[in-house]
Amino acid sequence: MIVGVTTMPAPTMLRRKSVKEAVQRFVERVSQLPQVEAVLLVCGDEGLEMRVIVPEPDLSVVDAVGEAEGEMIDRLGELPFVSDVIFRQGKPLDEFVSPQTRFLFRR
């Protein structure tokens, strides 16, 4: 378990207003980065996962995502999701999409 991350079933979490607002703020923040091609929400048994898709490795994106996570923890006292930066490296975006995945942002 990751410290500062809420663990409960994803559908239950998404019904909470604070979680919806946190997800929205996170997407608004990271989607401003020009390198970000998409933000995906994955609802699984472990909870919510936000996947930030970029074309190539870029540590500035990783740092910015970490800052956005920190802001969520400062505001809520916890992070209602786990986030991951995924470097697409030439693979089609569809390879990162599953039936449990929703696009929250796509460039």
C-alpha atoms as a PDB file:
ATOM      1  CA  MET A   1       0.000   0.000   0.000  1.00  0.00           C
ATOM      2  CA  ILE A   2       1.253   3.477  -0.852  1.00  0.00           C
ATOM      3  CA  VAL A   3       1.155   5.986   2.008  1.00  0.00           C
ATOM      4  CA  GLY A   4      -1.301   8.809   1.395  1.00  0.00           C
ATOM      5  CA  VAL A   5      -3.356   6.838  -1.152  1.00  0.00           C
ATOM      6  CA  THR A   6      -6.969   5.952  -0.443  1.00  0.00           C
ATOM      7  CA  THR A   7      -7.928   2.324  -1.006  1.00  0.00           C
ATOM      8  CA  MET A   8     -11.580   1.454  -1.597  1.00  0.00           C
ATOM      9  CA  PRO A   9     -13.504   0.074  -4.574  1.00  0.00           C
ATOM     10  CA  ALA A  10     -13.205   2.385  -7.585  1.00  0.00           C
ATOM     11  CA  PRO A  11     -16.966   2.798  -8.241  1.00  0.00           C
ATOM     12  CA  THR A  12     -17.469   3.829  -4.610  1.00  0.00           C
ATOM     13  CA  MET A  13     -14.610   6.314  -4.812  1.00  0.00           C
ATOM     14  CA  LEU A  14     -15.909   7.920  -7.996  1.00  0.00           C
ATOM     15  CA  ARG A  15     -19.208   8.739  -6.282  1.00  0.00           C
ATOM     16  CA  ARG A  16     -17.424  10.939  -3.753  1.00  0.00           C
ATOM     17  CA  LYS A  17     -17.515  14.605  -4.760  1.00  0.00           C
ATOM     18  CA  SER A  18     -14.023  15.267  -3.391  1.00  0.00           C
ATOM     19  CA  VAL A  19     -12.612  12.438  -5.523  1.00  0.00           C
ATOM     20  CA  LYS A  20     -14.339  13.677  -8.678  1.00  0.00           C
ATOM     21  CA  GLU A  21     -12.977  17.169  -8.056  1.00  0.00           C
ATOM     22  CA  ALA A  22      -9.469  15.837  -7.367  1.00  0.00           C
ATOM     23  CA  VAL A  23      -9.496  13.818 -10.586  1.00  0.00           C
ATOM     24  CA  GLN A  24     -10.715  16.845 -12.531  1.00  0.00           C
ATOM     25  CA  ARG A  25      -8.057  19.148 -11.039  1.00  0.00           C
ATOM     26  CA  PHE A  26      -5.328  16.597 -11.729  1.00  0.00           C
ATOM     27  CA  VAL A  27      -6.421  16.218 -15.367  1.00  0.00           C
ATOM     28  CA  GLU A  28      -6.642  19.993 -15.838  1.00  0.00           C
ATOM     29  CA  ARG A  29      -3.140  20.418 -14.440  1.00  0.00           C
ATOM     30  CA  VAL A  30      -1.321  17.673 -16.353  1.00  0.00           C
ATOM     31  CA  SER A  31      -3.198  18.246 -19.623  1.00  0.00           C
ATOM     32  CA  GLN A  32      -1.583  21.697 -19.790  1.00  0.00           C
ATOM     33  CA  LEU A  33       1.777  20.026 -20.354  1.00  0.00           C
ATOM     34  CA  PRO A  34       2.366  20.022 -24.124  1.00  0.00           C
ATOM     35  CA  GLN A  35       4.020  16.589 -24.007  1.00  0.00           C
ATOM     36  CA  VAL A  36       0.905  14.901 -22.578  1.00  0.00           C
ATOM     37  CA  GLU A  37      -1.049  13.078 -25.286  1.00  0.00           C
ATOM     38  CA  ALA A  38      -3.702  11.527 -23.075  1.00  0.00           C
ATOM     39  CA  VAL A  39      -4.840  10.971 -19.506  1.00  0.00           C
ATOM     40  CA  LEU A  40      -6.563   7.673 -18.854  1.00  0.00           C
ATOM     41  CA  LEU A  41      -8.576   6.616 -15.824  1.00  0.00           C
ATOM     42  CA  VAL A  42      -8.406   2.927 -14.988  1.00  0.00           C
ATOM     43  CA  CYS A  43     -10.952   1.567 -12.528  1.00  0.00           C
ATOM     44  CA  GLY A  44      -9.810  -1.690 -11.021  1.00  0.00           C
ATOM     45  CA  ASP A  45     -10.107  -3.811  -7.920  1.00  0.00           C
ATOM     46  CA  GLU A  46      -7.193  -1.918  -6.386  1.00  0.00           C
ATOM     47  CA  GLY A  47      -8.895   1.478  -6.856  1.00  0.00           C
ATOM     48  CA  LEU A  48      -8.294   4.272  -9.337  1.00  0.00           C
ATOM     49  CA  GLU A  49      -5.234   4.704 -11.502  1.00  0.00           C
ATOM     50  CA  MET A  50      -4.507   7.766 -13.606  1.00  0.00           C
ATOM     51  CA  ARG A  51      -2.243   7.042 -16.578  1.00  0.00           C
ATOM     52  CA  VAL A  52      -0.512  10.030 -18.125  1.00  0.00           C
ATOM     53  CA  ILE A  53       0.625   9.107 -21.647  1.00  0.00           C
ATOM     54  CA  VAL A  54       3.571  10.881 -23.271  1.00  0.00           C
ATOM     55  CA  PRO A  55       5.318   9.942 -26.531  1.00  0.00           C
ATOM     56  CA  GLU A  56       8.904   9.668 -25.230  1.00  0.00           C
ATOM     57  CA  PRO A  57      10.699   9.620 -21.866  1.00  0.00           C
ATOM     58  CA  ASP A  58      10.666  13.084 -20.334  1.00  0.00           C
ATOM     59  CA  LEU A  59      11.637  13.628 -16.699  1.00  0.00           C
ATOM     60  CA  SER A  60      10.073  17.095 -16.671  1.00  0.00           C
ATOM     61  CA  VAL A  61       6.663  15.434 -17.149  1.00  0.00           C
ATOM     62  CA  VAL A  62       7.377  12.984 -14.336  1.00  0.00           C
ATOM     63  CA  ASP A  63       8.312  15.908 -12.074  1.00  0.00           C
ATOM     64  CA  ALA A  64       5.185  17.890 -13.024  1.00  0.00           C
ATOM     65  CA  VAL A  65       2.946  14.880 -12.359  1.00  0.00           C
ATOM     66  CA  GLY A  66       4.609  14.481  -8.967  1.00  0.00           C
ATOM     67  CA  GLU A  67       3.906  18.132  -8.197  1.00  0.00           C
ATOM     68  CA  ALA A  68       0.240  17.684  -9.186  1.00  0.00           C
ATOM     69  CA  GLU A  69       0.024  14.652  -6.880  1.00  0.00           C
ATOM     70  CA  GLY A  70       1.554  16.689  -4.064  1.00  0.00           C
ATOM     71  CA  GLU A  71      -1.063  19.397  -4.511  1.00  0.00           C
ATOM     72  CA  MET A  72      -3.838  16.795  -4.242  1.00  0.00           C
ATOM     73  CA  ILE A  73      -2.353  15.399  -1.034  1.00  0.00           C
ATOM     74  CA  ASP A  74      -2.004  18.934   0.396  1.00  0.00           C
ATOM     75  CA  ARG A  75      -5.654  19.724  -0.400  1.00  0.00           C
ATOM     76  CA  LEU A  76      -7.245  16.409   0.555  1.00  0.00           C
ATOM     77  CA  GLY A  77      -4.794  14.903   3.006  1.00  0.00           C
ATOM     78  CA  GLU A  78      -4.669  11.861   0.742  1.00  0.00           C
ATOM     79  CA  LEU A  79      -4.424  10.937  -2.916  1.00  0.00           C
ATOM     80  CA  PRO A  80      -7.626   9.241  -4.132  1.00  0.00           C
ATOM     81  CA  PHE A  81      -5.785   7.575  -7.000  1.00  0.00           C
ATOM     82  CA  VAL A  82      -2.406   6.281  -8.051  1.00  0.00           C
ATOM     83  CA  SER A  83      -0.830   7.949 -11.063  1.00  0.00           C
ATOM     84  CA  ASP A  84       1.700   6.663 -13.528  1.00  0.00           C
ATOM     85  CA  VAL A  85       3.515   8.334 -16.404  1.00  0.00           C
ATOM     86  CA  ILE A  86       3.687   5.988 -19.372  1.00  0.00           C
ATOM     87  CA  PHE A  87       6.162   6.574 -22.183  1.00  0.00           C
ATOM     88  CA  ARG A  88       4.471   5.373 -25.369  1.00  0.00           C
ATOM     89  CA  GLN A  89       7.762   5.110 -27.325  1.00  0.00           C
ATOM     90  CA  GLY A  90       6.148   4.566 -30.725  1.00  0.00           C
ATOM     91  CA  LYS A  91       3.491   2.108 -29.586  1.00  0.00           C
ATOM     92  CA  PRO A  92      -0.095   2.890 -30.580  1.00  0.00           C
ATOM     93  CA  LEU A  93      -2.154   4.573 -27.880  1.00  0.00           C
ATOM     94  CA  ASP A  94      -4.695   1.749 -28.179  1.00  0.00           C
ATOM     95  CA  GLU A  95      -2.176  -0.610 -26.555  1.00  0.00           C
ATOM     96  CA  PHE A  96      -2.713   1.237 -23.270  1.00  0.00           C
ATOM     97  CA  VAL A  97      -6.513   1.086 -23.352  1.00  0.00           C
ATOM     98  CA  SER A  98      -8.587  -1.725 -21.852  1.00  0.00           C
ATOM     99  CA  PRO A  99     -12.285  -2.213 -21.075  1.00  0.00           C
ATOM    100  CA  GLN A 100     -11.639  -0.706 -17.615  1.00  0.00           C
ATOM    101  CA  THR A 101     -10.076   2.430 -19.143  1.00  0.00           C
ATOM    102  CA  ARG A 102     -11.715   5.809 -19.779  1.00  0.00           C
ATOM    103  CA  PHE A 103     -10.158   8.708 -21.636  1.00  0.00           C
ATOM    104  CA  LEU A 104     -10.280  11.857 -19.504  1.00  0.00           C
ATOM    105  CA  PHE A 105      -8.130  13.852 -21.899  1.00  0.00           C
ATOM    106  CA  ARG A 106      -6.835  13.227 -25.390  1.00  0.00           C
ATOM    107  CA  ARG A 107      -4.855  15.624 -27.566  1.00  0.00           C
END
